[in-house]
Amino acid sequence: MRFILSFFLLVIICLFGLFLHRKTLKKLVFYTDFLQFCKNLQTEIGFFHSKMPSIISKQNFSADFSHLLSNCLDGNMHSTLEKFSYLKNEDKNEIENFFKRLGRSGVDGEKNEIQNMISVLEEKIKEMKTISLKKSKLKFSLCVMFGLFVFIILI
């Protein structure tokens, strides 16, 4: 009985480590999608002078970012961003402000806004990749080691 309980505890602790690792990867995918969207947006506005709904309909991103874009047009961005627990509040505010600023200035002003966001996103992606390489694997490994330690102690 103790062996079975120890094994289930080991599995639960390993799943917790996997959850921490996936949270970092979800954030990285979100930022990568956002960066790609900004680059496509810059191209569409600069060359084709397209409107936002037509630009969004052409895009194909992960489920979270696609959901955010669809709610961007509906005006439900704040409530949608609250569902993304892997983003910090300051990141949520920055994203919300970016979408609010779009369309309020001329084409050159929008290009500058988009370029600023692209540089911010590239920096965040670089930071996330560094964190992912260092910390997420470490968190998962520590959870596995702790689970094995508890497993051995309980046997």
N, C-alpha and C. Protein backbone atom coordinates (compact mmCIF):
# COMPACT_ATOMS: atom_id res chain seq x y z
N MET A 1 0.83 -1.19 0.00
CA MET A 1 0.00 0.00 0.00
C MET A 1 0.87 1.26 0.00
N ARG A 2 1.92 1.21 0.83
CA ARG A 2 2.82 2.35 0.91
C ARG A 2 3.54 2.57 -0.43
N PHE A 3 3.84 1.49 -1.10
CA PHE A 3 4.51 1.57 -2.40
C PHE A 3 3.61 2.27 -3.43
N ILE A 4 2.34 1.91 -3.45
CA ILE A 4 1.38 2.52 -4.39
C ILE A 4 1.19 4.00 -4.07
N LEU A 5 1.05 4.33 -2.81
CA LEU A 5 0.91 5.72 -2.40
C LEU A 5 2.15 6.53 -2.78
N SER A 6 3.32 5.96 -2.56
CA SER A 6 4.57 6.63 -2.91
C SER A 6 4.67 6.85 -4.42
N PHE A 7 4.25 5.85 -5.18
CA PHE A 7 4.29 5.98 -6.63
C PHE A 7 3.35 7.08 -7.11
N PHE A 8 2.13 7.14 -6.57
CA PHE A 8 1.19 8.20 -6.97
C PHE A 8 1.71 9.58 -6.58
N LEU A 9 2.34 9.69 -5.46
CA LEU A 9 2.94 10.95 -5.03
C LEU A 9 4.06 11.35 -5.99
N LEU A 10 4.87 10.39 -6.41
CA LEU A 10 5.92 10.65 -7.39
C LEU A 10 5.34 11.18 -8.70
N VAL A 11 4.28 10.54 -9.17
CA VAL A 11 3.64 10.95 -10.42
C VAL A 11 3.06 12.37 -10.29
N ILE A 12 2.43 12.68 -9.18
CA ILE A 12 1.83 14.01 -8.97
C ILE A 12 2.92 15.08 -8.95
N ILE A 13 4.02 14.82 -8.29
CA ILE A 13 5.10 15.81 -8.23
C ILE A 13 5.73 16.00 -9.61
N CYS A 14 5.88 14.92 -10.37
CA CYS A 14 6.42 15.04 -11.73
C CYS A 14 5.47 15.82 -12.64
N LEU A 15 4.17 15.59 -12.48
CA LEU A 15 3.19 16.35 -13.27
C LEU A 15 3.23 17.83 -12.92
N PHE A 16 3.48 18.16 -11.66
CA PHE A 16 3.62 19.56 -11.26
C PHE A 16 4.82 20.19 -11.96
N GLY A 17 5.92 19.47 -12.04
CA GLY A 17 7.11 19.97 -12.75
C GLY A 17 6.83 20.16 -14.22
N LEU A 18 6.08 19.23 -14.81
CA LEU A 18 5.70 19.35 -16.22
C LEU A 18 4.79 20.56 -16.44
N PHE A 19 3.89 20.82 -15.50
CA PHE A 19 3.01 21.98 -15.57
C PHE A 19 3.82 23.28 -15.57
N LEU A 20 4.82 23.37 -14.72
CA LEU A 20 5.67 24.56 -14.66
C LEU A 20 6.42 24.75 -15.98
N HIS A 21 6.88 23.67 -16.55
CA HIS A 21 7.60 23.73 -17.83
C HIS A 21 6.67 24.18 -18.96
N ARG A 22 5.47 23.65 -18.99
CA ARG A 22 4.50 24.01 -20.04
C ARG A 22 4.06 25.46 -19.95
N LYS A 23 3.98 25.99 -18.74
CA LYS A 23 3.58 27.38 -18.56
C LYS A 23 4.58 28.31 -19.24
N THR A 24 5.86 28.02 -19.09
CA THR A 24 6.90 28.81 -19.75
C THR A 24 6.80 28.67 -21.26
N LEU A 25 6.55 27.46 -21.75
CA LEU A 25 6.45 27.25 -23.19
C LEU A 25 5.23 27.95 -23.78
N LYS A 26 4.11 27.96 -23.05
CA LYS A 26 2.91 28.66 -23.53
C LYS A 26 3.17 30.15 -23.68
N LYS A 27 3.88 30.71 -22.73
CA LYS A 27 4.21 32.13 -22.78
C LYS A 27 5.12 32.42 -23.98
N LEU A 28 6.06 31.55 -24.24
CA LEU A 28 6.96 31.72 -25.37
C LEU A 28 6.20 31.64 -26.70
N VAL A 29 5.28 30.70 -26.82
CA VAL A 29 4.47 30.57 -28.04
C VAL A 29 3.60 31.81 -28.23
N PHE A 30 3.03 32.32 -27.13
CA PHE A 30 2.19 33.52 -27.22
C PHE A 30 2.99 34.70 -27.74
N TYR A 31 4.18 34.92 -27.17
CA TYR A 31 5.01 36.05 -27.61
C TYR A 31 5.47 35.88 -29.06
N THR A 32 5.79 34.65 -29.46
CA THR A 32 6.21 34.40 -30.83
C THR A 32 5.06 34.68 -31.81
N ASP A 33 3.85 34.26 -31.46
CA ASP A 33 2.69 34.55 -32.29
C ASP A 33 2.44 36.06 -32.37
N PHE A 34 2.57 36.74 -31.24
CA PHE A 34 2.35 38.18 -31.20
C PHE A 34 3.39 38.90 -32.07
N LEU A 35 4.63 38.45 -32.02
CA LEU A 35 5.68 39.03 -32.85
C LEU A 35 5.37 38.83 -34.33
N GLN A 36 4.97 37.62 -34.69
CA GLN A 36 4.63 37.34 -36.09
C GLN A 36 3.44 38.18 -36.54
N PHE A 37 2.47 38.35 -35.67
CA PHE A 37 1.32 39.18 -35.98
C PHE A 37 1.74 40.63 -36.23
N CYS A 38 2.62 41.15 -35.38
CA CYS A 38 3.09 42.53 -35.54
C CYS A 38 3.85 42.71 -36.85
N LYS A 39 4.67 41.74 -37.21
CA LYS A 39 5.40 41.84 -38.48
C LYS A 39 4.45 41.79 -39.67
N ASN A 40 3.46 40.90 -39.61
CA ASN A 40 2.46 40.84 -40.68
C ASN A 40 1.63 42.13 -40.73
N LEU A 41 1.30 42.64 -39.56
CA LEU A 41 0.52 43.88 -39.48
C LEU A 41 1.30 45.04 -40.08
N GLN A 42 2.58 45.11 -39.79
CA GLN A 42 3.42 46.17 -40.33
C GLN A 42 3.46 46.09 -41.87
N THR A 43 3.57 44.90 -42.40
CA THR A 43 3.59 44.72 -43.85
C THR A 43 2.25 45.10 -44.47
N GLU A 44 1.18 44.60 -43.87
CA GLU A 44 -0.16 44.87 -44.41
C GLU A 44 -0.50 46.36 -44.38
N ILE A 45 -0.16 47.04 -43.31
CA ILE A 45 -0.47 48.46 -43.20
C ILE A 45 0.43 49.27 -44.13
N GLY A 46 1.71 48.87 -44.19
CA GLY A 46 2.65 49.63 -45.00
C GLY A 46 2.42 49.52 -46.49
N PHE A 47 2.16 48.33 -46.98
CA PHE A 47 2.08 48.14 -48.42
C PHE A 47 0.65 48.09 -48.96
N PHE A 48 -0.24 47.47 -48.21
CA PHE A 48 -1.58 47.24 -48.74
C PHE A 48 -2.64 48.14 -48.12
N HIS A 49 -2.31 48.83 -47.05
CA HIS A 49 -3.27 49.70 -46.33
C HIS A 49 -4.54 48.95 -45.97
N SER A 50 -4.37 47.71 -45.51
CA SER A 50 -5.52 46.87 -45.15
C SER A 50 -6.10 47.31 -43.82
N LYS A 51 -7.36 46.93 -43.62
CA LYS A 51 -8.03 47.21 -42.35
C LYS A 51 -7.83 46.02 -41.41
N MET A 52 -7.97 46.30 -40.11
CA MET A 52 -7.67 45.30 -39.08
C MET A 52 -8.48 44.00 -39.24
N PRO A 53 -9.79 44.03 -39.47
CA PRO A 53 -10.52 42.75 -39.60
C PRO A 53 -10.00 41.86 -40.73
N SER A 54 -9.63 42.47 -41.85
CA SER A 54 -9.11 41.65 -42.96
C SER A 54 -7.72 41.11 -42.64
N ILE A 55 -6.93 41.87 -41.89
CA ILE A 55 -5.60 41.40 -41.50
C ILE A 55 -5.72 40.22 -40.54
N ILE A 56 -6.61 40.34 -39.58
CA ILE A 56 -6.78 39.28 -38.58
C ILE A 56 -7.34 38.01 -39.23
N SER A 57 -8.23 38.15 -40.19
CA SER A 57 -8.83 36.96 -40.81
C SER A 57 -7.81 36.17 -41.63
N LYS A 58 -6.73 36.80 -42.05
CA LYS A 58 -5.70 36.11 -42.84
C LYS A 58 -4.73 35.32 -41.97
N GLN A 59 -4.70 35.59 -40.68
CA GLN A 59 -3.70 35.03 -39.79
C GLN A 59 -4.11 33.66 -39.27
N ASN A 60 -3.11 32.84 -38.95
CA ASN A 60 -3.33 31.52 -38.36
C ASN A 60 -2.32 31.33 -37.23
N PHE A 61 -2.80 31.43 -35.98
CA PHE A 61 -1.92 31.37 -34.83
C PHE A 61 -2.42 30.32 -33.85
N SER A 62 -1.72 30.24 -32.71
CA SER A 62 -2.13 29.31 -31.66
C SER A 62 -3.51 29.69 -31.14
N ALA A 63 -4.13 28.78 -30.43
CA ALA A 63 -5.51 28.99 -29.97
C ALA A 63 -5.64 30.22 -29.08
N ASP A 64 -4.70 30.41 -28.14
CA ASP A 64 -4.79 31.55 -27.22
C ASP A 64 -4.69 32.87 -27.96
N PHE A 65 -3.73 33.00 -28.86
CA PHE A 65 -3.56 34.27 -29.55
C PHE A 65 -4.69 34.50 -30.55
N SER A 66 -5.18 33.46 -31.20
CA SER A 66 -6.32 33.61 -32.11
C SER A 66 -7.56 34.07 -31.34
N HIS A 67 -7.75 33.51 -30.15
CA HIS A 67 -8.86 33.91 -29.30
C HIS A 67 -8.74 35.39 -28.91
N LEU A 68 -7.53 35.82 -28.60
CA LEU A 68 -7.29 37.21 -28.25
C LEU A 68 -7.59 38.12 -29.42
N LEU A 69 -7.16 37.75 -30.62
CA LEU A 69 -7.41 38.58 -31.80
C LEU A 69 -8.89 38.68 -32.12
N SER A 70 -9.61 37.58 -32.00
CA SER A 70 -11.05 37.62 -32.30
C SER A 70 -11.78 38.50 -31.29
N ASN A 71 -11.35 38.46 -30.03
CA ASN A 71 -11.98 39.32 -29.02
C ASN A 71 -11.49 40.75 -29.09
N CYS A 72 -10.37 40.98 -29.75
CA CYS A 72 -9.87 42.34 -29.96
C CYS A 72 -10.86 43.13 -30.79
N LEU A 73 -11.42 42.49 -31.79
CA LEU A 73 -12.39 43.15 -32.65
C LEU A 73 -13.72 43.38 -31.94
N ASP A 74 -14.07 42.49 -31.01
CA ASP A 74 -15.33 42.60 -30.29
C ASP A 74 -15.26 43.58 -29.12
N GLY A 75 -14.06 43.97 -28.72
CA GLY A 75 -13.90 44.89 -27.59
C GLY A 75 -13.81 44.18 -26.25
N ASN A 76 -13.64 42.86 -26.24
CA ASN A 76 -13.56 42.08 -25.00
C ASN A 76 -12.12 41.72 -24.65
N MET A 77 -11.19 42.56 -25.02
CA MET A 77 -9.78 42.21 -24.83
C MET A 77 -9.41 42.06 -23.36
N HIS A 78 -9.89 42.96 -22.52
CA HIS A 78 -9.51 42.94 -21.10
C HIS A 78 -9.93 41.62 -20.45
N SER A 79 -11.16 41.21 -20.68
CA SER A 79 -11.63 39.95 -20.07
C SER A 79 -10.90 38.74 -20.65
N THR A 80 -10.52 38.82 -21.92
CA THR A 80 -9.78 37.72 -22.53
C THR A 80 -8.38 37.63 -21.97
N LEU A 81 -7.72 38.78 -21.79
CA LEU A 81 -6.36 38.78 -21.25
C LEU A 81 -6.31 38.27 -19.82
N GLU A 82 -7.38 38.47 -19.06
CA GLU A 82 -7.42 38.00 -17.67
C GLU A 82 -7.37 36.48 -17.59
N LYS A 83 -7.78 35.81 -18.67
CA LYS A 83 -7.78 34.34 -18.68
C LYS A 83 -6.38 33.76 -18.87
N PHE A 84 -5.45 34.58 -19.36
CA PHE A 84 -4.10 34.11 -19.61
C PHE A 84 -3.27 34.25 -18.35
N SER A 85 -3.29 33.24 -17.52
CA SER A 85 -2.62 33.30 -16.21
C SER A 85 -1.10 33.28 -16.34
N TYR A 86 -0.59 32.86 -17.48
CA TYR A 86 0.86 32.80 -17.64
C TYR A 86 1.48 34.16 -17.98
N LEU A 87 0.65 35.18 -18.25
CA LEU A 87 1.15 36.53 -18.52
C LEU A 87 1.11 37.37 -17.25
N LYS A 88 2.11 38.21 -17.08
CA LYS A 88 2.13 39.14 -15.95
C LYS A 88 1.14 40.27 -16.23
N ASN A 89 0.69 40.94 -15.16
CA ASN A 89 -0.26 42.03 -15.32
C ASN A 89 0.31 43.16 -16.16
N GLU A 90 1.58 43.47 -16.00
CA GLU A 90 2.18 44.54 -16.80
C GLU A 90 2.20 44.17 -18.28
N ASP A 91 2.41 42.88 -18.59
CA ASP A 91 2.37 42.44 -19.98
C ASP A 91 0.96 42.54 -20.55
N LYS A 92 -0.02 42.18 -19.74
CA LYS A 92 -1.42 42.29 -20.17
C LYS A 92 -1.79 43.74 -20.47
N ASN A 93 -1.36 44.65 -19.60
CA ASN A 93 -1.64 46.06 -19.81
C ASN A 93 -0.94 46.59 -21.06
N GLU A 94 0.28 46.15 -21.27
CA GLU A 94 1.03 46.58 -22.45
C GLU A 94 0.37 46.10 -23.74
N ILE A 95 -0.11 44.87 -23.75
CA ILE A 95 -0.79 44.32 -24.92
C ILE A 95 -2.10 45.07 -25.17
N GLU A 96 -2.85 45.29 -24.10
CA GLU A 96 -4.12 45.99 -24.23
C GLU A 96 -3.91 47.42 -24.74
N ASN A 97 -2.92 48.11 -24.21
CA ASN A 97 -2.63 49.47 -24.66
C ASN A 97 -2.16 49.51 -26.11
N PHE A 98 -1.42 48.50 -26.52
CA PHE A 98 -0.97 48.43 -27.91
C PHE A 98 -2.17 48.38 -28.86
N PHE A 99 -3.12 47.50 -28.56
CA PHE A 99 -4.28 47.38 -29.44
C PHE A 99 -5.18 48.61 -29.38
N LYS A 100 -5.21 49.28 -28.23
CA LYS A 100 -6.00 50.51 -28.13
C LYS A 100 -5.39 51.64 -28.95
N ARG A 101 -4.05 51.68 -29.02
CA ARG A 101 -3.37 52.75 -29.75
C ARG A 101 -3.44 52.56 -31.25
N LEU A 102 -3.62 51.32 -31.72
CA LEU A 102 -3.71 51.09 -33.15
C LEU A 102 -4.93 51.79 -33.73
N GLY A 103 -4.74 52.44 -34.84
CA GLY A 103 -5.85 53.11 -35.51
C GLY A 103 -6.10 54.52 -35.04
N ARG A 104 -5.36 55.00 -34.05
CA ARG A 104 -5.57 56.35 -33.53
C ARG A 104 -4.65 57.37 -34.17
N SER A 105 -3.70 56.92 -34.95
CA SER A 105 -2.79 57.84 -35.61
C SER A 105 -2.69 57.47 -37.08
N GLY A 106 -1.90 58.20 -37.81
CA GLY A 106 -1.72 57.93 -39.22
C GLY A 106 -0.91 56.67 -39.45
N VAL A 107 -0.67 56.38 -40.70
CA VAL A 107 0.06 55.16 -41.07
C VAL A 107 1.48 55.19 -40.49
N ASP A 108 2.14 56.34 -40.56
CA ASP A 108 3.51 56.43 -40.02
C ASP A 108 3.53 56.23 -38.51
N GLY A 109 2.55 56.79 -37.81
CA GLY A 109 2.45 56.61 -36.36
C GLY A 109 2.21 55.16 -35.99
N GLU A 110 1.37 54.49 -36.76
CA GLU A 110 1.11 53.08 -36.51
C GLU A 110 2.34 52.23 -36.78
N LYS A 111 3.07 52.58 -37.85
CA LYS A 111 4.30 51.84 -38.14
C LYS A 111 5.30 51.98 -37.00
N ASN A 112 5.39 53.18 -36.44
CA ASN A 112 6.30 53.39 -35.30
C ASN A 112 5.86 52.59 -34.08
N GLU A 113 4.55 52.59 -33.80
CA GLU A 113 4.01 51.81 -32.68
C GLU A 113 4.31 50.32 -32.86
N ILE A 114 4.08 49.84 -34.07
CA ILE A 114 4.32 48.42 -34.35
C ILE A 114 5.79 48.09 -34.25
N GLN A 115 6.64 48.97 -34.76
CA GLN A 115 8.08 48.73 -34.69
C GLN A 115 8.56 48.71 -33.24
N ASN A 116 8.02 49.60 -32.42
CA ASN A 116 8.36 49.59 -30.99
C ASN A 116 7.94 48.29 -30.34
N MET A 117 6.74 47.82 -30.66
CA MET A 117 6.25 46.57 -30.09
C MET A 117 7.09 45.39 -30.58
N ILE A 118 7.51 45.43 -31.84
CA ILE A 118 8.35 44.34 -32.37
C ILE A 118 9.66 44.27 -31.60
N SER A 119 10.27 45.41 -31.35
CA SER A 119 11.54 45.39 -30.61
C SER A 119 11.33 44.91 -29.17
N VAL A 120 10.22 45.30 -28.54
CA VAL A 120 9.92 44.83 -27.18
C VAL A 120 9.69 43.32 -27.18
N LEU A 121 8.94 42.83 -28.16
CA LEU A 121 8.65 41.40 -28.22
C LEU A 121 9.90 40.57 -28.52
N GLU A 122 10.76 41.08 -29.40
CA GLU A 122 12.00 40.35 -29.67
C GLU A 122 12.85 40.24 -28.42
N GLU A 123 12.88 41.30 -27.62
CA GLU A 123 13.64 41.27 -26.37
C GLU A 123 13.02 40.27 -25.39
N LYS A 124 11.67 40.27 -25.30
CA LYS A 124 10.99 39.33 -24.39
C LYS A 124 11.19 37.89 -24.82
N ILE A 125 11.16 37.63 -26.12
CA ILE A 125 11.35 36.27 -26.62
C ILE A 125 12.77 35.81 -26.32
N LYS A 126 13.73 36.69 -26.52
CA LYS A 126 15.12 36.35 -26.20
C LYS A 126 15.26 36.03 -24.71
N GLU A 127 14.61 36.84 -23.88
CA GLU A 127 14.64 36.62 -22.43
C GLU A 127 13.95 35.31 -22.06
N MET A 128 12.80 35.04 -22.70
CA MET A 128 12.05 33.81 -22.40
C MET A 128 12.84 32.57 -22.81
N LYS A 129 13.54 32.64 -23.94
CA LYS A 129 14.34 31.49 -24.37
C LYS A 129 15.46 31.22 -23.38
N THR A 130 16.06 32.29 -22.88
CA THR A 130 17.12 32.14 -21.89
C THR A 130 16.57 31.52 -20.61
N ILE A 131 15.43 32.04 -20.17
CA ILE A 131 14.79 31.50 -18.97
C ILE A 131 14.37 30.06 -19.18
N SER A 132 13.83 29.77 -20.36
CA SER A 132 13.38 28.42 -20.65
C SER A 132 14.53 27.43 -20.61
N LEU A 133 15.66 27.84 -21.18
CA LEU A 133 16.81 26.93 -21.17
C LEU A 133 17.34 26.69 -19.76
N LYS A 134 17.32 27.73 -18.95
CA LYS A 134 17.91 27.62 -17.62
C LYS A 134 16.92 27.08 -16.59
N LYS A 135 15.78 27.72 -16.47
CA LYS A 135 14.92 27.47 -15.32
C LYS A 135 13.86 26.41 -15.51
N SER A 136 13.25 26.32 -16.69
CA SER A 136 12.13 25.39 -16.81
C SER A 136 12.59 23.94 -16.72
N LYS A 137 13.71 23.62 -17.35
CA LYS A 137 14.24 22.26 -17.23
C LYS A 137 14.70 21.99 -15.80
N LEU A 138 15.25 23.02 -15.17
CA LEU A 138 15.69 22.88 -13.78
C LEU A 138 14.49 22.60 -12.87
N LYS A 139 13.40 23.34 -13.07
CA LYS A 139 12.20 23.14 -12.25
C LYS A 139 11.68 21.71 -12.41
N PHE A 140 11.61 21.26 -13.66
CA PHE A 140 11.12 19.90 -13.91
C PHE A 140 12.05 18.87 -13.27
N SER A 141 13.34 19.05 -13.43
CA SER A 141 14.31 18.10 -12.86
C SER A 141 14.24 18.09 -11.34
N LEU A 142 14.11 19.27 -10.73
CA LEU A 142 13.99 19.33 -9.28
C LEU A 142 12.73 18.64 -8.78
N CYS A 143 11.63 18.83 -9.50
CA CYS A 143 10.39 18.15 -9.10
C CYS A 143 10.54 16.63 -9.20
N VAL A 144 11.18 16.16 -10.26
CA VAL A 144 11.40 14.72 -10.40
C VAL A 144 12.29 14.21 -9.28
N MET A 145 13.37 14.94 -8.99
CA MET A 145 14.29 14.54 -7.91
C MET A 145 13.58 14.53 -6.57
N PHE A 146 12.77 15.56 -6.32
CA PHE A 146 12.03 15.62 -5.06
C PHE A 146 11.04 14.46 -4.97
N GLY A 147 10.38 14.18 -6.10
CA GLY A 147 9.45 13.06 -6.12
C GLY A 147 10.14 11.74 -5.85
N LEU A 148 11.31 11.54 -6.44
CA LEU A 148 12.08 10.33 -6.19
C LEU A 148 12.53 10.26 -4.73
N PHE A 149 12.92 11.40 -4.18
CA PHE A 149 13.33 11.45 -2.78
C PHE A 149 12.19 11.04 -1.86
N VAL A 150 11.00 11.60 -2.11
CA VAL A 150 9.82 11.25 -1.29
C VAL A 150 9.48 9.78 -1.50
N PHE A 151 9.60 9.30 -2.73
CA PHE A 151 9.31 7.90 -3.06
C PHE A 151 10.24 6.98 -2.24
N ILE A 152 11.51 7.29 -2.22
CA ILE A 152 12.48 6.47 -1.49
C ILE A 152 12.24 6.53 0.01
N ILE A 153 11.92 7.73 0.53
CA ILE A 153 11.68 7.89 1.96
C ILE A 153 10.46 7.08 2.40
N LEU A 154 9.41 7.10 1.61
CA LEU A 154 8.17 6.42 1.99
C LEU A 154 8.24 4.90 1.82
N ILE A 155 9.18 4.42 1.03
CA ILE A 155 9.31 2.96 0.86
C ILE A 155 10.06 2.45 2.02
